[in-house]
Amino acid sequence: ILAEPIDSQRQDDIVILDVRAEKFFNLSASRRFGVFVDVYNLTNSDAAQNINWNSGSTYRFPVTIIGPTIMRFGTKFDW
């Protein structure tokens, strides 16, 4: 038996902005070299991704929190 309606517990919306920039350079007719940069969680959201809904001392305790802003640089070679 439910003590409250099933939709009474709701967590906040999570908004994350990820960005990628990429540039390719032609080396020959069939070969390309590329560089890229990825930025994950650009707005540095620290929202709780999973929340414990079980009753007790950990009620509404965040289980997982979104990580900080991360940048990744890399290269590609197509042949």
N, C-alpha and C. Protein backbone atom coordinates (compact mmCIF):
# COMPACT_ATOMS: atom_id res chain seq x y z
N ILE A 1 0.86 -1.17 0.00
CA ILE A 1 0.00 0.00 0.00
C ILE A 1 0.90 1.23 0.00
N LEU A 2 0.67 2.09 -0.95
CA LEU A 2 1.46 3.32 -1.04
C LEU A 2 0.96 4.34 -0.02
N ALA A 3 1.85 5.02 0.67
CA ALA A 3 1.49 6.04 1.65
C ALA A 3 1.25 7.40 0.99
N GLU A 4 1.73 7.58 -0.24
CA GLU A 4 1.55 8.83 -0.96
C GLU A 4 1.47 8.51 -2.44
N PRO A 5 0.96 9.43 -3.25
CA PRO A 5 0.88 9.16 -4.69
C PRO A 5 2.26 8.88 -5.28
N ILE A 6 2.29 8.05 -6.30
CA ILE A 6 3.57 7.59 -6.86
C ILE A 6 4.36 8.72 -7.52
N ASP A 7 3.71 9.78 -7.96
CA ASP A 7 4.43 10.88 -8.61
C ASP A 7 4.70 12.06 -7.67
N SER A 8 4.60 11.87 -6.37
CA SER A 8 4.82 12.97 -5.43
C SER A 8 6.31 13.26 -5.21
N GLN A 9 7.19 12.31 -5.47
CA GLN A 9 8.63 12.50 -5.33
C GLN A 9 9.24 12.72 -6.71
N ARG A 10 9.94 13.82 -6.87
CA ARG A 10 10.53 14.15 -8.16
C ARG A 10 11.86 14.85 -7.92
N GLN A 11 12.87 14.50 -8.70
CA GLN A 11 14.15 15.18 -8.56
C GLN A 11 14.24 16.32 -9.56
N ASP A 12 15.18 17.22 -9.34
CA ASP A 12 15.35 18.39 -10.19
C ASP A 12 15.77 17.99 -11.60
N ASP A 13 15.42 18.85 -12.56
CA ASP A 13 15.88 18.64 -13.94
C ASP A 13 17.39 18.84 -13.99
N ILE A 14 18.04 18.06 -14.84
CA ILE A 14 19.48 18.16 -14.99
C ILE A 14 19.77 18.72 -16.38
N VAL A 15 20.48 19.84 -16.42
CA VAL A 15 20.84 20.47 -17.68
C VAL A 15 22.36 20.46 -17.79
N ILE A 16 22.86 19.79 -18.83
CA ILE A 16 24.30 19.69 -19.04
C ILE A 16 24.60 20.17 -20.46
N LEU A 17 25.64 20.95 -20.62
CA LEU A 17 26.05 21.45 -21.93
C LEU A 17 27.42 20.87 -22.28
N ASP A 18 27.47 20.08 -23.36
CA ASP A 18 28.72 19.52 -23.88
C ASP A 18 29.00 20.16 -25.24
N VAL A 19 30.27 20.48 -25.50
CA VAL A 19 30.65 21.17 -26.74
C VAL A 19 31.84 20.44 -27.36
N ARG A 20 31.85 20.38 -28.70
CA ARG A 20 32.99 19.80 -29.42
C ARG A 20 33.36 20.73 -30.58
N ALA A 21 34.67 20.96 -30.74
CA ALA A 21 35.20 21.70 -31.88
C ALA A 21 36.20 20.79 -32.57
N GLU A 22 36.13 20.76 -33.91
CA GLU A 22 36.97 19.82 -34.65
C GLU A 22 37.39 20.46 -35.97
N LYS A 23 38.63 20.24 -36.37
CA LYS A 23 39.15 20.78 -37.63
C LYS A 23 39.99 19.71 -38.31
N PHE A 24 39.72 19.49 -39.60
CA PHE A 24 40.48 18.52 -40.40
C PHE A 24 41.35 19.25 -41.41
N PHE A 25 42.52 18.65 -41.67
CA PHE A 25 43.46 19.17 -42.67
C PHE A 25 43.72 18.05 -43.66
N ASN A 26 43.59 18.34 -44.96
CA ASN A 26 43.85 17.35 -46.00
C ASN A 26 45.35 17.24 -46.24
N LEU A 27 45.89 16.02 -46.09
CA LEU A 27 47.31 15.78 -46.34
C LEU A 27 47.55 15.31 -47.76
N SER A 28 46.63 14.51 -48.28
CA SER A 28 46.68 14.06 -49.67
C SER A 28 45.23 13.76 -50.08
N ALA A 29 45.07 13.10 -51.22
CA ALA A 29 43.72 12.85 -51.73
C ALA A 29 42.90 11.97 -50.78
N SER A 30 43.54 11.05 -50.10
CA SER A 30 42.78 10.12 -49.25
C SER A 30 43.18 10.16 -47.77
N ARG A 31 44.04 11.08 -47.38
CA ARG A 31 44.50 11.13 -45.99
C ARG A 31 44.16 12.48 -45.37
N ARG A 32 43.67 12.41 -44.14
CA ARG A 32 43.31 13.62 -43.41
C ARG A 32 43.86 13.55 -41.99
N PHE A 33 44.20 14.70 -41.48
CA PHE A 33 44.66 14.82 -40.10
C PHE A 33 43.72 15.80 -39.41
N GLY A 34 43.24 15.44 -38.22
CA GLY A 34 42.30 16.30 -37.52
C GLY A 34 42.68 16.50 -36.07
N VAL A 35 42.29 17.64 -35.55
CA VAL A 35 42.45 17.94 -34.14
C VAL A 35 41.08 18.28 -33.58
N PHE A 36 40.87 17.96 -32.31
CA PHE A 36 39.58 18.26 -31.70
C PHE A 36 39.75 18.59 -30.23
N VAL A 37 38.74 19.26 -29.70
CA VAL A 37 38.66 19.54 -28.27
C VAL A 37 37.20 19.31 -27.86
N ASP A 38 37.01 18.57 -26.78
CA ASP A 38 35.69 18.33 -26.20
C ASP A 38 35.65 19.00 -24.83
N VAL A 39 34.54 19.63 -24.52
CA VAL A 39 34.32 20.20 -23.19
C VAL A 39 33.02 19.61 -22.68
N TYR A 40 33.11 18.86 -21.59
CA TYR A 40 31.94 18.23 -20.98
C TYR A 40 31.51 19.03 -19.76
N ASN A 41 30.21 19.19 -19.59
CA ASN A 41 29.63 19.92 -18.47
C ASN A 41 30.18 21.35 -18.43
N LEU A 42 30.01 22.06 -19.53
CA LEU A 42 30.56 23.41 -19.68
C LEU A 42 30.04 24.37 -18.62
N THR A 43 28.79 24.22 -18.21
CA THR A 43 28.21 25.13 -17.22
C THR A 43 28.55 24.72 -15.79
N ASN A 44 29.32 23.65 -15.62
CA ASN A 44 29.77 23.15 -14.32
C ASN A 44 28.58 22.86 -13.38
N SER A 45 27.57 22.19 -13.92
CA SER A 45 26.41 21.80 -13.13
C SER A 45 26.83 20.76 -12.09
N ASP A 46 26.43 20.97 -10.85
CA ASP A 46 26.73 19.98 -9.81
C ASP A 46 25.44 19.35 -9.28
N ALA A 47 24.52 19.09 -10.19
CA ALA A 47 23.22 18.53 -9.83
C ALA A 47 23.35 17.09 -9.36
N ALA A 48 22.43 16.68 -8.52
CA ALA A 48 22.38 15.29 -8.05
C ALA A 48 21.71 14.45 -9.13
N GLN A 49 22.42 13.47 -9.63
CA GLN A 49 21.91 12.65 -10.73
C GLN A 49 21.00 11.53 -10.21
N ASN A 50 21.34 10.91 -9.11
CA ASN A 50 20.53 9.86 -8.50
C ASN A 50 20.30 10.23 -7.05
N ILE A 51 19.05 10.12 -6.62
CA ILE A 51 18.68 10.46 -5.24
C ILE A 51 18.07 9.23 -4.59
N ASN A 52 18.44 8.98 -3.35
CA ASN A 52 17.90 7.85 -2.61
C ASN A 52 16.50 8.20 -2.10
N TRP A 53 15.49 7.44 -2.54
CA TRP A 53 14.11 7.70 -2.13
C TRP A 53 13.67 6.76 -1.01
N ASN A 54 14.54 5.89 -0.51
CA ASN A 54 14.17 4.98 0.58
C ASN A 54 14.05 5.75 1.89
N SER A 55 13.12 5.31 2.73
CA SER A 55 12.96 5.98 4.02
C SER A 55 14.14 5.64 4.93
N GLY A 56 14.41 6.53 5.85
CA GLY A 56 15.52 6.33 6.77
C GLY A 56 16.42 7.55 6.82
N SER A 57 17.62 7.36 7.35
CA SER A 57 18.53 8.49 7.53
C SER A 57 19.12 9.00 6.22
N THR A 58 19.07 8.21 5.16
CA THR A 58 19.61 8.66 3.87
C THR A 58 18.52 9.10 2.90
N TYR A 59 17.33 9.39 3.39
CA TYR A 59 16.23 9.84 2.54
C TYR A 59 16.61 11.14 1.84
N ARG A 60 16.42 11.17 0.54
CA ARG A 60 16.76 12.31 -0.34
C ARG A 60 18.25 12.64 -0.31
N PHE A 61 19.08 11.67 -0.03
CA PHE A 61 20.53 11.83 -0.04
C PHE A 61 21.03 11.56 -1.45
N PRO A 62 21.82 12.46 -2.05
CA PRO A 62 22.31 12.22 -3.41
C PRO A 62 23.29 11.04 -3.46
N VAL A 63 23.02 10.12 -4.36
CA VAL A 63 23.89 8.96 -4.55
C VAL A 63 24.99 9.29 -5.55
N THR A 64 24.64 10.01 -6.61
CA THR A 64 25.59 10.39 -7.65
C THR A 64 25.44 11.87 -7.95
N ILE A 65 26.56 12.58 -8.03
CA ILE A 65 26.56 14.00 -8.38
C ILE A 65 27.35 14.15 -9.67
N ILE A 66 26.85 15.00 -10.57
CA ILE A 66 27.50 15.24 -11.86
C ILE A 66 28.91 15.76 -11.62
N GLY A 67 29.86 15.26 -12.37
CA GLY A 67 31.26 15.67 -12.23
C GLY A 67 31.51 17.08 -12.72
N PRO A 68 32.71 17.61 -12.45
CA PRO A 68 33.04 18.98 -12.86
C PRO A 68 33.29 19.09 -14.36
N THR A 69 33.60 20.29 -14.80
CA THR A 69 33.93 20.51 -16.21
C THR A 69 35.20 19.76 -16.57
N ILE A 70 35.15 19.04 -17.69
CA ILE A 70 36.29 18.25 -18.15
C ILE A 70 36.58 18.63 -19.59
N MET A 71 37.86 18.83 -19.91
CA MET A 71 38.27 19.11 -21.29
C MET A 71 39.11 17.95 -21.79
N ARG A 72 38.91 17.62 -23.08
CA ARG A 72 39.68 16.55 -23.70
C ARG A 72 40.21 17.05 -25.04
N PHE A 73 41.50 16.89 -25.26
CA PHE A 73 42.15 17.26 -26.53
C PHE A 73 42.57 15.99 -27.23
N GLY A 74 42.54 16.01 -28.55
CA GLY A 74 42.97 14.82 -29.26
C GLY A 74 43.23 15.09 -30.73
N THR A 75 43.75 14.06 -31.39
CA THR A 75 44.01 14.12 -32.82
C THR A 75 43.44 12.89 -33.48
N LYS A 76 43.21 13.02 -34.79
CA LYS A 76 42.71 11.91 -35.60
C LYS A 76 43.53 11.84 -36.87
N PHE A 77 43.68 10.64 -37.37
CA PHE A 77 44.35 10.45 -38.65
C PHE A 77 43.53 9.46 -39.46
N ASP A 78 42.99 9.91 -40.58
CA ASP A 78 42.21 9.07 -41.49
C ASP A 78 43.05 8.73 -42.72
N TRP A 79 43.11 7.44 -43.07
CA TRP A 79 43.82 7.05 -44.27
C TRP A 79 43.02 6.10 -45.09
